[in-house]
Amino acid sequence: MSLPTQPDAYSFTRYLSAKRSVDDRALNRHVYAALQSHVTAQLAALDRPLAVLEIGAGIGTMVDRLLAWNLFGDQRDGVHYTALDAEADNISTAQARLASRPEWLSLRLVTEDALAFAQRPEQQQYDLLIAHAVLDLLDMDRALPLLRRLLRPDGSFYFTINFDGATILQPAIDPSFDTLIAAAYHDTMDTRIVDGLPSGDSCTGRHLFSTLPAHGFRIAAAGSSDWVVHAIDGEYPEDERYFLHFIVQTMAGALRDHPHIDARAFADWIKQRHEQVSRGELIYIAHQLDFFGIAGS
């Protein structure tokens, strides 16, 4: 029987869909339980719809997840949910995926950069702010003050899948070369520039313990949310084989023409990693952290 082959082309929207099952396993249940307890109390106390804003909402998988996990429980006054993403393709995919939803959920899908949205004059404030796999792409000292403005004084936040400095690929190919590649890959996160400004941090997770309180976000719960992807009897769950091919190809793009990595050795390393995925051998672990809390002073 022939092995699955590497994809001929890559789609970011398919990647976002493929990582749904990975994220579902990874999200920290202690942190989610703290969120659910708070939202339940909020819904009981409010005499109006709960106002939720999600930034970097992608194709709407968090909306799907929160409905499936019954975050909003039995409805009395409804939920107004604004889902924001800078990519029009993501928003159009979300519109199609979320066309069928509960009547009590008022959903607004917006194509806009999160920080530009936060700087709108007379911007609305929200009861709950969600950022899923987003904050490690931003400069925290610039982004967090703007995001804090989006929360009501007693609002809450749920910031999940924040990368925290560990990328593990097994089996090893060449341990010293593997380590070099992981370090160089993390360095691309630390030196990323978007629109002329720093954007990202390979240790965002641990740094949020200090940067969140410094910018008015009081942490109430935190915990690990590691991605752990492996095959069972040679088969990956759901579409996770594609997810892994996408991760390997992302590393290839990030480190192409790197001045301190031998190009031919790196091309062979990438080829071997794709082959490991095709054979159901690759194990991928990424260390991440989740946070829940309340808007502070």
C-alpha atoms as a PDB file:
ATOM      1  CA  MET A   1       0.000   0.000   0.000  1.00  0.00           C
ATOM      2  CA  SER A   2       1.382   3.412  -0.973  1.00  0.00           C
ATOM      3  CA  LEU A   3       2.047   6.003   1.713  1.00  0.00           C
ATOM      4  CA  PRO A   4       0.216   9.352   1.837  1.00  0.00           C
ATOM      5  CA  THR A   5       2.235  11.971  -0.010  1.00  0.00           C
ATOM      6  CA  GLN A   6       3.171  15.515   0.890  1.00  0.00           C
ATOM      7  CA  PRO A   7       0.514  18.016  -0.297  1.00  0.00           C
ATOM      8  CA  ASP A   8       1.189  19.668  -3.649  1.00  0.00           C
ATOM      9  CA  ALA A   9      -0.060  22.989  -2.283  1.00  0.00           C
ATOM     10  CA  TYR A  10      -0.875  24.450   1.108  1.00  0.00           C
ATOM     11  CA  SER A  11      -3.997  26.263   2.265  1.00  0.00           C
ATOM     12  CA  PHE A  12      -3.988  28.331   5.456  1.00  0.00           C
ATOM     13  CA  THR A  13      -7.735  27.910   5.891  1.00  0.00           C
ATOM     14  CA  ARG A  14      -7.343  24.122   5.684  1.00  0.00           C
ATOM     15  CA  TYR A  15      -4.539  24.342   8.254  1.00  0.00           C
ATOM     16  CA  LEU A  16      -6.833  26.275  10.602  1.00  0.00           C
ATOM     17  CA  SER A  17      -9.484  23.596  10.161  1.00  0.00           C
ATOM     18  CA  ALA A  18      -6.951  20.778  10.625  1.00  0.00           C
ATOM     19  CA  LYS A  19      -5.676  22.165  13.904  1.00  0.00           C
ATOM     20  CA  ARG A  20      -9.166  22.192  15.445  1.00  0.00           C
ATOM     21  CA  SER A  21      -8.707  18.695  16.879  1.00  0.00           C
ATOM     22  CA  VAL A  22      -5.157  19.534  18.008  1.00  0.00           C
ATOM     23  CA  ASP A  23      -6.389  22.617  19.869  1.00  0.00           C
ATOM     24  CA  ASP A  24      -9.347  20.739  21.364  1.00  0.00           C
ATOM     25  CA  ARG A  25      -6.936  18.326  23.054  1.00  0.00           C
ATOM     26  CA  ALA A  26      -4.492  21.049  24.034  1.00  0.00           C
ATOM     27  CA  LEU A  27      -6.705  23.668  25.673  1.00  0.00           C
ATOM     28  CA  ASN A  28      -6.219  23.669  29.428  1.00  0.00           C
ATOM     29  CA  ARG A  29      -9.359  22.390  31.151  1.00  0.00           C
ATOM     30  CA  HIS A  30      -8.591  24.114  34.484  1.00  0.00           C
ATOM     31  CA  VAL A  31      -8.368  27.477  32.725  1.00  0.00           C
ATOM     32  CA  TYR A  32     -11.493  26.752  30.688  1.00  0.00           C
ATOM     33  CA  ALA A  33     -13.405  25.773  33.853  1.00  0.00           C
ATOM     34  CA  ALA A  34     -12.502  29.139  35.396  1.00  0.00           C
ATOM     35  CA  LEU A  35     -13.797  30.888  32.271  1.00  0.00           C
ATOM     36  CA  GLN A  36     -17.013  28.860  32.277  1.00  0.00           C
ATOM     37  CA  SER A  37     -17.697  29.560  35.948  1.00  0.00           C
ATOM     38  CA  HIS A  38     -17.232  33.288  35.409  1.00  0.00           C
ATOM     39  CA  VAL A  39     -19.350  33.432  32.244  1.00  0.00           C
ATOM     40  CA  THR A  40     -22.148  31.491  33.959  1.00  0.00           C
ATOM     41  CA  ALA A  41     -22.170  34.060  36.775  1.00  0.00           C
ATOM     42  CA  GLN A  42     -22.050  36.934  34.277  1.00  0.00           C
ATOM     43  CA  LEU A  43     -25.009  35.600  32.315  1.00  0.00           C
ATOM     44  CA  ALA A  44     -27.043  35.180  35.501  1.00  0.00           C
ATOM     45  CA  ALA A  45     -26.303  38.747  36.603  1.00  0.00           C
ATOM     46  CA  LEU A  46     -26.774  40.591  33.307  1.00  0.00           C
ATOM     47  CA  ASP A  47     -30.115  41.860  32.041  1.00  0.00           C
ATOM     48  CA  ARG A  48     -28.734  42.338  28.527  1.00  0.00           C
ATOM     49  CA  PRO A  49     -26.860  40.195  25.998  1.00  0.00           C
ATOM     50  CA  LEU A  50     -23.296  39.226  26.850  1.00  0.00           C
ATOM     51  CA  ALA A  51     -20.887  41.120  24.546  1.00  0.00           C
ATOM     52  CA  VAL A  52     -17.982  38.969  23.331  1.00  0.00           C
ATOM     53  CA  LEU A  53     -15.079  39.978  21.083  1.00  0.00           C
ATOM     54  CA  GLU A  54     -12.659  37.487  19.565  1.00  0.00           C
ATOM     55  CA  ILE A  55      -9.576  38.816  17.792  1.00  0.00           C
ATOM     56  CA  GLY A  56      -7.717  36.723  15.233  1.00  0.00           C
ATOM     57  CA  ALA A  57     -10.799  34.541  14.942  1.00  0.00           C
ATOM     58  CA  GLY A  58      -9.604  32.738  11.810  1.00  0.00           C
ATOM     59  CA  ILE A  59     -12.318  30.554  10.272  1.00  0.00           C
ATOM     60  CA  GLY A  60     -14.513  30.568  13.371  1.00  0.00           C
ATOM     61  CA  THR A  61     -13.368  27.386  15.085  1.00  0.00           C
ATOM     62  CA  MET A  62     -13.445  28.992  18.535  1.00  0.00           C
ATOM     63  CA  VAL A  63     -17.090  29.969  18.015  1.00  0.00           C
ATOM     64  CA  ASP A  64     -17.818  26.345  17.053  1.00  0.00           C
ATOM     65  CA  ARG A  65     -15.906  25.084  20.061  1.00  0.00           C
ATOM     66  CA  LEU A  66     -17.582  27.331  22.628  1.00  0.00           C
ATOM     67  CA  LEU A  67     -20.992  26.309  21.317  1.00  0.00           C
ATOM     68  CA  ALA A  68     -20.050  22.610  21.382  1.00  0.00           C
ATOM     69  CA  TRP A  69     -18.638  22.977  24.903  1.00  0.00           C
ATOM     70  CA  ASN A  70     -21.776  24.846  26.011  1.00  0.00           C
ATOM     71  CA  LEU A  71     -19.925  27.870  27.397  1.00  0.00           C
ATOM     72  CA  PHE A  72     -23.001  30.072  27.238  1.00  0.00           C
ATOM     73  CA  GLY A  73     -25.391  27.534  28.755  1.00  0.00           C
ATOM     74  CA  ASP A  74     -29.137  28.181  28.816  1.00  0.00           C
ATOM     75  CA  GLN A  75     -29.911  31.524  27.248  1.00  0.00           C
ATOM     76  CA  ARG A  76     -32.072  34.262  28.660  1.00  0.00           C
ATOM     77  CA  ASP A  77     -30.824  37.437  26.990  1.00  0.00           C
ATOM     78  CA  GLY A  78     -28.552  36.075  24.264  1.00  0.00           C
ATOM     79  CA  VAL A  79     -24.939  36.626  23.260  1.00  0.00           C
ATOM     80  CA  HIS A  80     -23.558  39.245  20.880  1.00  0.00           C
ATOM     81  CA  TYR A  81     -20.347  37.760  19.478  1.00  0.00           C
ATOM     82  CA  THR A  82     -17.997  39.819  17.269  1.00  0.00           C
ATOM     83  CA  ALA A  83     -15.334  37.728  15.505  1.00  0.00           C
ATOM     84  CA  LEU A  84     -12.480  39.701  14.005  1.00  0.00           C
ATOM     85  CA  ASP A  85      -9.763  38.609  11.572  1.00  0.00           C
ATOM     86  CA  ALA A  86      -7.444  40.550   9.283  1.00  0.00           C
ATOM     87  CA  GLU A  87      -7.715  38.016   6.434  1.00  0.00           C
ATOM     88  CA  ALA A  88     -10.778  38.244   4.192  1.00  0.00           C
ATOM     89  CA  ASP A  89     -10.458  34.566   3.168  1.00  0.00           C
ATOM     90  CA  ASN A  90     -10.702  33.516   6.798  1.00  0.00           C
ATOM     91  CA  ILE A  91     -13.800  35.608   7.406  1.00  0.00           C
ATOM     92  CA  SER A  92     -15.547  34.361   4.256  1.00  0.00           C
ATOM     93  CA  THR A  93     -14.818  30.771   5.320  1.00  0.00           C
ATOM     94  CA  ALA A  94     -16.158  31.530   8.798  1.00  0.00           C
ATOM     95  CA  GLN A  95     -19.346  32.966   7.298  1.00  0.00           C
ATOM     96  CA  ALA A  96     -19.977  29.724   5.424  1.00  0.00           C
ATOM     97  CA  ARG A  97     -19.068  27.484   8.369  1.00  0.00           C
ATOM     98  CA  LEU A  98     -21.201  29.390  10.874  1.00  0.00           C
ATOM     99  CA  ALA A  99     -24.250  29.968   8.688  1.00  0.00           C
ATOM    100  CA  SER A 100     -26.261  27.637  10.928  1.00  0.00           C
ATOM    101  CA  ARG A 101     -26.167  28.716  14.565  1.00  0.00           C
ATOM    102  CA  PRO A 102     -28.510  29.134  17.558  1.00  0.00           C
ATOM    103  CA  GLU A 103     -31.071  31.919  17.327  1.00  0.00           C
ATOM    104  CA  TRP A 104     -29.810  33.439  20.577  1.00  0.00           C
ATOM    105  CA  LEU A 105     -26.316  33.957  19.117  1.00  0.00           C
ATOM    106  CA  SER A 106     -25.952  37.262  17.298  1.00  0.00           C
ATOM    107  CA  LEU A 107     -22.735  36.860  15.296  1.00  0.00           C
ATOM    108  CA  ARG A 108     -20.864  39.696  13.588  1.00  0.00           C
ATOM    109  CA  LEU A 109     -17.871  38.762  11.418  1.00  0.00           C
ATOM    110  CA  VAL A 110     -15.445  41.598  10.684  1.00  0.00           C
ATOM    111  CA  THR A 111     -12.390  41.755   8.420  1.00  0.00           C
ATOM    112  CA  GLU A 112     -10.021  44.089  10.255  1.00  0.00           C
ATOM    113  CA  ASP A 113      -6.693  44.160  12.054  1.00  0.00           C
ATOM    114  CA  ALA A 114      -7.220  43.799  15.803  1.00  0.00           C
ATOM    115  CA  LEU A 115      -5.076  46.753  16.831  1.00  0.00           C
ATOM    116  CA  ALA A 116      -6.640  49.032  14.228  1.00  0.00           C
ATOM    117  CA  PHE A 117     -10.062  47.930  15.487  1.00  0.00           C
ATOM    118  CA  ALA A 118      -9.035  48.716  19.071  1.00  0.00           C
ATOM    119  CA  GLN A 119      -8.057  52.254  18.088  1.00  0.00           C
ATOM    120  CA  ARG A 120     -11.390  53.173  16.542  1.00  0.00           C
ATOM    121  CA  PRO A 121     -12.851  56.359  18.066  1.00  0.00           C
ATOM    122  CA  GLU A 122     -15.570  55.625  20.648  1.00  0.00           C
ATOM    123  CA  GLN A 123     -14.901  51.895  20.418  1.00  0.00           C
ATOM    124  CA  GLN A 124     -17.419  49.640  22.158  1.00  0.00           C
ATOM    125  CA  GLN A 125     -16.287  47.770  25.264  1.00  0.00           C
ATOM    126  CA  TYR A 126     -16.912  44.047  25.757  1.00  0.00           C
ATOM    127  CA  ASP A 127     -17.674  41.651  28.594  1.00  0.00           C
ATOM    128  CA  LEU A 128     -15.298  38.971  27.303  1.00  0.00           C
ATOM    129  CA  LEU A 129     -12.203  39.262  25.105  1.00  0.00           C
ATOM    130  CA  ILE A 130     -10.845  36.116  23.434  1.00  0.00           C
ATOM    131  CA  ALA A 131      -7.468  35.768  21.700  1.00  0.00           C
ATOM    132  CA  HIS A 132      -6.660  32.242  20.526  1.00  0.00           C
ATOM    133  CA  ALA A 133      -3.153  31.566  19.168  1.00  0.00           C
ATOM    134  CA  VAL A 134      -2.749  35.292  18.520  1.00  0.00           C
ATOM    135  CA  LEU A 135      -0.767  37.078  21.224  1.00  0.00           C
ATOM    136  CA  ASP A 136       2.549  35.413  20.346  1.00  0.00           C
ATOM    137  CA  LEU A 137       2.314  37.173  16.967  1.00  0.00           C
ATOM    138  CA  LEU A 138       2.101  40.646  18.529  1.00  0.00           C
ATOM    139  CA  ASP A 139       4.350  43.028  20.426  1.00  0.00           C
ATOM    140  CA  MET A 140       2.842  42.818  23.910  1.00  0.00           C
ATOM    141  CA  ASP A 141       3.859  46.262  25.143  1.00  0.00           C
ATOM    142  CA  ARG A 142       2.127  47.818  22.150  1.00  0.00           C
ATOM    143  CA  ALA A 143      -0.850  45.467  21.878  1.00  0.00           C
ATOM    144  CA  LEU A 144      -1.980  44.919  25.468  1.00  0.00           C
ATOM    145  CA  PRO A 145      -2.800  48.566  26.327  1.00  0.00           C
ATOM    146  CA  LEU A 146      -4.953  48.740  23.194  1.00  0.00           C
ATOM    147  CA  LEU A 147      -6.671  45.432  23.930  1.00  0.00           C
ATOM    148  CA  ARG A 148      -7.329  46.471  27.533  1.00  0.00           C
ATOM    149  CA  ARG A 149      -9.378  49.409  26.224  1.00  0.00           C
ATOM    150  CA  LEU A 150     -11.770  46.908  24.647  1.00  0.00           C
ATOM    151  CA  LEU A 151     -12.823  45.439  28.009  1.00  0.00           C
ATOM    152  CA  ARG A 152     -15.427  46.769  30.407  1.00  0.00           C
ATOM    153  CA  PRO A 153     -14.090  47.470  33.929  1.00  0.00           C
ATOM    154  CA  ASP A 154     -15.376  44.073  35.115  1.00  0.00           C
ATOM    155  CA  GLY A 155     -14.786  42.277  31.813  1.00  0.00           C
ATOM    156  CA  SER A 156     -12.872  39.023  31.464  1.00  0.00           C
ATOM    157  CA  PHE A 157     -10.266  37.663  29.071  1.00  0.00           C
ATOM    158  CA  TYR A 158      -9.441  34.223  27.685  1.00  0.00           C
ATOM    159  CA  PHE A 159      -6.008  34.172  26.003  1.00  0.00           C
ATOM    160  CA  THR A 160      -5.074  30.713  24.756  1.00  0.00           C
ATOM    161  CA  ILE A 161      -2.351  28.747  22.918  1.00  0.00           C
ATOM    162  CA  ASN A 162       0.435  31.251  23.664  1.00  0.00           C
ATOM    163  CA  PHE A 163       3.702  29.745  22.429  1.00  0.00           C
ATOM    164  CA  ASP A 164       6.352  29.338  25.104  1.00  0.00           C
ATOM    165  CA  GLY A 165       9.723  28.420  23.717  1.00  0.00           C
ATOM    166  CA  ALA A 166       9.688  24.689  22.967  1.00  0.00           C
ATOM    167  CA  THR A 167       9.360  22.983  19.582  1.00  0.00           C
ATOM    168  CA  ILE A 168       9.997  19.235  19.742  1.00  0.00           C
ATOM    169  CA  LEU A 169      10.122  16.930  16.723  1.00  0.00           C
ATOM    170  CA  GLN A 170      10.766  13.219  17.155  1.00  0.00           C
ATOM    171  CA  PRO A 171      12.328  10.883  16.086  1.00  0.00           C
ATOM    172  CA  ALA A 172      15.622  12.772  16.020  1.00  0.00           C
ATOM    173  CA  ILE A 173      17.426  13.041  12.698  1.00  0.00           C
ATOM    174  CA  ASP A 174      20.684  14.633  13.869  1.00  0.00           C
ATOM    175  CA  PRO A 175      20.321  15.890  17.466  1.00  0.00           C
ATOM    176  CA  SER A 176      22.760  18.792  17.115  1.00  0.00           C
ATOM    177  CA  PHE A 177      21.270  19.881  13.780  1.00  0.00           C
ATOM    178  CA  ASP A 178      17.737  19.437  15.159  1.00  0.00           C
ATOM    179  CA  THR A 179      18.637  21.764  18.050  1.00  0.00           C
ATOM    180  CA  LEU A 180      20.157  24.330  15.686  1.00  0.00           C
ATOM    181  CA  ILE A 181      17.004  24.382  13.560  1.00  0.00           C
ATOM    182  CA  ALA A 182      14.673  24.740  16.559  1.00  0.00           C
ATOM    183  CA  ALA A 183      16.756  27.624  17.942  1.00  0.00           C
ATOM    184  CA  ALA A 184      16.852  29.378  14.572  1.00  0.00           C
ATOM    185  CA  TYR A 185      13.105  28.872  14.133  1.00  0.00           C
ATOM    186  CA  HIS A 186      12.420  30.449  17.531  1.00  0.00           C
ATOM    187  CA  ASP A 187      14.745  33.324  16.616  1.00  0.00           C
ATOM    188  CA  THR A 188      12.555  34.123  13.599  1.00  0.00           C
ATOM    189  CA  MET A 189       9.689  34.705  16.048  1.00  0.00           C
ATOM    190  CA  ASP A 190      11.816  37.005  18.205  1.00  0.00           C
ATOM    191  CA  THR A 191      13.037  39.085  15.257  1.00  0.00           C
ATOM    192  CA  ARG A 192       9.782  39.225  13.266  1.00  0.00           C
ATOM    193  CA  ILE A 193       8.979  42.703  11.930  1.00  0.00           C
ATOM    194  CA  VAL A 194       5.496  43.604  10.647  1.00  0.00           C
ATOM    195  CA  ASP A 195       4.831  47.064   9.187  1.00  0.00           C
ATOM    196  CA  GLY A 196       8.194  48.189  10.522  1.00  0.00           C
ATOM    197  CA  LEU A 197       7.422  47.174  14.113  1.00  0.00           C
ATOM    198  CA  PRO A 198       8.447  44.205  16.299  1.00  0.00           C
ATOM    199  CA  SER A 199       5.778  41.500  16.203  1.00  0.00           C
ATOM    200  CA  GLY A 200       6.164  38.311  18.197  1.00  0.00           C
ATOM    201  CA  ASP A 201       8.033  36.542  20.967  1.00  0.00           C
ATOM    202  CA  SER A 202       9.033  32.879  21.153  1.00  0.00           C
ATOM    203  CA  CYS A 203       8.522  32.937  24.944  1.00  0.00           C
ATOM    204  CA  THR A 204       5.224  34.817  24.997  1.00  0.00           C
ATOM    205  CA  GLY A 205       3.617  32.334  27.401  1.00  0.00           C
ATOM    206  CA  ARG A 206       5.973  32.862  30.335  1.00  0.00           C
ATOM    207  CA  HIS A 207       6.268  36.591  29.678  1.00  0.00           C
ATOM    208  CA  LEU A 208       2.491  37.035  29.955  1.00  0.00           C
ATOM    209  CA  PHE A 209       2.728  36.339  33.691  1.00  0.00           C
ATOM    210  CA  SER A 210       4.313  39.781  34.038  1.00  0.00           C
ATOM    211  CA  THR A 211       3.061  41.695  31.005  1.00  0.00           C
ATOM    212  CA  LEU A 212      -0.635  40.955  31.558  1.00  0.00           C
ATOM    213  CA  PRO A 213      -0.829  42.432  35.096  1.00  0.00           C
ATOM    214  CA  ALA A 214       1.389  45.336  34.024  1.00  0.00           C
ATOM    215  CA  HIS A 215      -1.244  46.328  31.469  1.00  0.00           C
ATOM    216  CA  GLY A 216      -4.406  45.861  33.532  1.00  0.00           C
ATOM    217  CA  PHE A 217      -5.195  42.166  33.066  1.00  0.00           C
ATOM    218  CA  ARG A 218      -5.496  40.336  36.402  1.00  0.00           C
ATOM    219  CA  ILE A 219      -4.698  36.631  35.973  1.00  0.00           C
ATOM    220  CA  ALA A 220      -7.172  34.282  37.676  1.00  0.00           C
ATOM    221  CA  ALA A 221      -6.082  30.978  36.105  1.00  0.00           C
ATOM    222  CA  ALA A 222      -3.211  29.754  33.939  1.00  0.00           C
ATOM    223  CA  GLY A 223      -1.997  26.413  32.667  1.00  0.00           C
ATOM    224  CA  SER A 224      -0.216  24.573  29.883  1.00  0.00           C
ATOM    225  CA  SER A 225      -1.887  23.933  26.536  1.00  0.00           C
ATOM    226  CA  ASP A 226       0.739  21.936  24.679  1.00  0.00           C
ATOM    227  CA  TRP A 227       0.141  20.664  21.188  1.00  0.00           C
ATOM    228  CA  VAL A 228       0.928  16.926  21.203  1.00  0.00           C
ATOM    229  CA  VAL A 229       0.452  15.235  17.831  1.00  0.00           C
ATOM    230  CA  HIS A 230       1.280  11.592  17.188  1.00  0.00           C
ATOM    231  CA  ALA A 231      -0.054   8.716  15.128  1.00  0.00           C
ATOM    232  CA  ILE A 232      -1.811   5.632  16.456  1.00  0.00           C
ATOM    233  CA  ASP A 233      -0.979   2.508  14.454  1.00  0.00           C
ATOM    234  CA  GLY A 234       0.466   4.758  11.764  1.00  0.00           C
ATOM    235  CA  GLU A 235      -2.612   6.967  11.411  1.00  0.00           C
ATOM    236  CA  TYR A 236      -3.024  10.529  12.661  1.00  0.00           C
ATOM    237  CA  PRO A 237      -6.459  11.644  13.927  1.00  0.00           C
ATOM    238  CA  GLU A 238      -8.758  13.778  11.776  1.00  0.00           C
ATOM    239  CA  ASP A 239      -6.728  15.931   9.343  1.00  0.00           C
ATOM    240  CA  GLU A 240      -3.660  16.106  11.579  1.00  0.00           C
ATOM    241  CA  ARG A 241      -1.327  14.627   8.955  1.00  0.00           C
ATOM    242  CA  TYR A 242      -1.982  17.756   6.896  1.00  0.00           C
ATOM    243  CA  PHE A 243      -1.452  19.882  10.014  1.00  0.00           C
ATOM    244  CA  LEU A 244       2.004  18.338  10.483  1.00  0.00           C
ATOM    245  CA  HIS A 245       2.974  18.764   6.836  1.00  0.00           C
ATOM    246  CA  PHE A 246       1.949  22.421   7.170  1.00  0.00           C
ATOM    247  CA  ILE A 247       4.094  22.889  10.303  1.00  0.00           C
ATOM    248  CA  VAL A 248       7.132  21.342   8.607  1.00  0.00           C
ATOM    249  CA  GLN A 249       6.586  23.491   5.518  1.00  0.00           C
ATOM    250  CA  THR A 250       6.230  26.594   7.711  1.00  0.00           C
ATOM    251  CA  MET A 251       9.644  25.853   9.205  1.00  0.00           C
ATOM    252  CA  ALA A 252      11.015  25.404   5.690  1.00  0.00           C
ATOM    253  CA  GLY A 253       9.741  28.817   4.665  1.00  0.00           C
ATOM    254  CA  ALA A 254      10.892  30.546   7.839  1.00  0.00           C
ATOM    255  CA  LEU A 255      14.475  29.261   7.582  1.00  0.00           C
ATOM    256  CA  ARG A 256      14.999  29.234   3.829  1.00  0.00           C
ATOM    257  CA  ASP A 257      18.325  30.969   2.982  1.00  0.00           C
ATOM    258  CA  HIS A 258      19.225  31.256   6.675  1.00  0.00           C
ATOM    259  CA  PRO A 259      22.867  32.422   6.842  1.00  0.00           C
ATOM    260  CA  HIS A 260      23.871  29.969   9.591  1.00  0.00           C
ATOM    261  CA  ILE A 261      22.155  26.824   8.280  1.00  0.00           C
ATOM    262  CA  ASP A 262      23.595  24.735   5.456  1.00  0.00           C
ATOM    263  CA  ALA A 263      20.980  24.928   2.697  1.00  0.00           C
ATOM    264  CA  ARG A 264      21.472  21.397   1.340  1.00  0.00           C
ATOM    265  CA  ALA A 265      21.456  19.813   4.791  1.00  0.00           C
ATOM    266  CA  PHE A 266      18.336  21.777   5.696  1.00  0.00           C
ATOM    267  CA  ALA A 267      16.523  20.775   2.492  1.00  0.00           C
ATOM    268  CA  ASP A 268      17.298  17.129   3.275  1.00  0.00           C
ATOM    269  CA  TRP A 269      16.121  17.605   6.880  1.00  0.00           C
ATOM    270  CA  ILE A 270      12.795  19.044   5.681  1.00  0.00           C
ATOM    271  CA  LYS A 271      12.419  16.175   3.202  1.00  0.00           C
ATOM    272  CA  GLN A 272      13.006  13.625   5.966  1.00  0.00           C
ATOM    273  CA  ARG A 273      10.479  15.321   8.257  1.00  0.00           C
ATOM    274  CA  HIS A 274       7.809  15.220   5.538  1.00  0.00           C
ATOM    275  CA  GLU A 275       8.607  11.546   4.967  1.00  0.00           C
ATOM    276  CA  GLN A 276       8.215  10.876   8.704  1.00  0.00           C
ATOM    277  CA  VAL A 277       4.769  12.476   8.551  1.00  0.00           C
ATOM    278  CA  SER A 278       3.816  10.365   5.535  1.00  0.00           C
ATOM    279  CA  ARG A 279       4.879   7.200   7.355  1.00  0.00           C
ATOM    280  CA  GLY A 280       3.006   8.191  10.517  1.00  0.00           C
ATOM    281  CA  GLU A 281       6.247   8.432  12.494  1.00  0.00           C
ATOM    282  CA  LEU A 282       6.586  12.124  13.328  1.00  0.00           C
ATOM    283  CA  ILE A 283       5.760  13.241  16.862  1.00  0.00           C
ATOM    284  CA  TYR A 284       5.290  16.976  17.313  1.00  0.00           C
ATOM    285  CA  ILE A 285       5.103  18.826  20.619  1.00  0.00           C
ATOM    286  CA  ALA A 286       4.848  22.595  21.077  1.00  0.00           C
ATOM    287  CA  HIS A 287       4.758  24.107  24.567  1.00  0.00           C
ATOM    288  CA  GLN A 288       2.068  26.746  25.105  1.00  0.00           C
ATOM    289  CA  LEU A 289       0.129  28.430  27.932  1.00  0.00           C
ATOM    290  CA  ASP A 290      -3.494  29.508  28.464  1.00  0.00           C
ATOM    291  CA  PHE A 291      -4.701  32.406  30.629  1.00  0.00           C
ATOM    292  CA  PHE A 292      -8.044  33.527  32.033  1.00  0.00           C
ATOM    293  CA  GLY A 293      -8.652  36.577  34.157  1.00  0.00           C
ATOM    294  CA  ILE A 294     -10.498  39.786  34.918  1.00  0.00           C
ATOM    295  CA  ALA A 295      -9.841  43.347  33.828  1.00  0.00           C
ATOM    296  CA  GLY A 296      -7.934  45.127  36.586  1.00  0.00           C
ATOM    297  CA  SER A 297      -6.640  48.624  37.102  1.00  0.00           C
END
